[in-house]
Amino acid sequence: MFGRLGAPEILVILAVVLLLFGAKRLPEMARSFGQSLRILKSETKAMRQGDADESHTDGQATTSALQQAHDDRPTAPQASEADNAHQR
């Protein structure tokens, strides 16, 4: 049902889009859509490269990186008894 879009169906869809958004807004929307696709493509490529790099390294390097990130995490300051009494 939805797999066979011919020329008449595509023209009707384009006419509806033109009526909904207007001729002035369409180029801006197309530009925005193109930028979004480029960003998605570059992020997907970076993720694939990251996965390939990660699969070539041994598990110990990954574990040490995770441990370092955990150690660098800021800790919450401990409240003193004077601060707790002041808040009551």
Protein backbone atom coordinates (compact mmCIF):
# COMPACT_ATOMS: atom_id res chain seq x y z
CA MET A 1 0.00 0.00 0.00
CA PHE A 2 2.66 2.54 1.02
CA GLY A 3 5.50 1.01 -0.98
CA ARG A 4 4.35 2.21 -4.38
CA LEU A 5 4.49 5.98 -4.62
CA GLY A 6 4.26 7.16 -8.19
CA ALA A 7 4.64 10.57 -9.74
CA PRO A 8 1.02 11.67 -9.10
CA GLU A 9 1.23 10.79 -5.40
CA ILE A 10 4.53 12.62 -4.97
CA LEU A 11 3.11 15.71 -6.71
CA VAL A 12 0.09 15.72 -4.40
CA ILE A 13 2.36 15.43 -1.35
CA LEU A 14 4.54 18.30 -2.60
CA ALA A 15 1.47 20.46 -3.26
CA VAL A 16 0.18 19.85 0.27
CA VAL A 17 3.59 20.70 1.76
CA LEU A 18 3.71 23.87 -0.33
CA LEU A 19 0.26 24.90 0.87
CA LEU A 20 1.05 24.18 4.49
CA PHE A 21 4.43 25.89 4.75
CA GLY A 22 4.48 28.42 1.90
CA ALA A 23 7.00 29.03 -0.83
CA LYS A 24 9.20 31.34 1.27
CA ARG A 25 9.68 28.83 4.06
CA LEU A 26 10.54 25.77 1.91
CA PRO A 27 14.16 26.71 1.03
CA GLU A 28 14.91 27.42 4.69
CA MET A 29 13.44 24.05 5.71
CA ALA A 30 15.43 22.25 3.00
CA ARG A 31 18.64 23.94 4.16
CA SER A 32 17.96 22.98 7.76
CA PHE A 33 17.19 19.40 6.74
CA GLY A 34 20.45 19.21 4.77
CA GLN A 35 22.48 20.49 7.72
CA SER A 36 20.83 17.95 10.00
CA LEU A 37 21.69 15.13 7.60
CA ARG A 38 25.32 16.28 7.42
CA ILE A 39 25.59 16.38 11.21
CA LEU A 40 23.99 12.95 11.49
CA LYS A 41 26.37 11.54 8.88
CA SER A 42 29.47 12.97 10.59
CA GLU A 43 28.36 11.75 14.03
CA THR A 44 27.62 8.28 12.65
CA LYS A 45 31.05 8.19 11.01
CA ALA A 46 32.72 9.26 14.27
CA MET A 47 30.85 6.57 16.20
CA ARG A 48 31.91 3.91 13.70
CA GLN A 49 35.53 5.03 13.92
CA GLY A 50 35.31 5.04 17.71
CA ASP A 51 33.90 1.52 17.70
CA ALA A 52 36.64 0.34 15.33
CA ASP A 53 39.35 1.95 17.48
CA GLU A 54 37.84 0.48 20.62
CA SER A 55 37.73 -3.02 19.17
CA HIS A 56 41.46 -2.83 18.33
CA THR A 57 42.52 -1.86 21.84
CA ASP A 58 42.61 -4.37 24.64
CA GLY A 59 40.04 -4.35 27.43
CA GLN A 60 42.55 -3.16 30.03
CA ALA A 61 42.96 0.23 28.35
CA THR A 62 39.21 0.71 28.38
CA THR A 63 39.02 -0.30 32.03
CA SER A 64 41.78 2.12 33.00
CA ALA A 65 40.05 4.96 31.12
CA LEU A 66 36.80 4.25 32.93
CA GLN A 67 38.60 4.13 36.27
CA GLN A 68 40.29 7.46 35.57
CA ALA A 69 36.95 9.05 34.65
CA HIS A 70 35.47 7.73 37.87
CA ASP A 71 38.40 9.09 39.91
CA ASP A 72 38.13 12.53 38.26
CA ARG A 73 34.45 12.84 39.20
CA PRO A 74 33.86 15.67 41.70
CA THR A 75 32.60 14.64 45.10
CA ALA A 76 29.90 16.41 47.08
CA PRO A 77 31.19 18.45 50.05
CA GLN A 78 30.45 16.99 53.46
CA ALA A 79 28.16 19.12 55.62
CA SER A 80 29.42 19.84 59.10
CA GLU A 81 27.29 19.55 62.23
CA ALA A 82 27.23 23.35 62.50
CA ASP A 83 25.76 23.61 59.00
CA ASN A 84 23.12 21.01 59.83
CA ALA A 85 22.16 22.86 63.05
CA HIS A 86 21.94 26.13 61.11
CA GLN A 87 19.56 24.60 58.54
CA ARG A 88 17.13 23.40 61.24
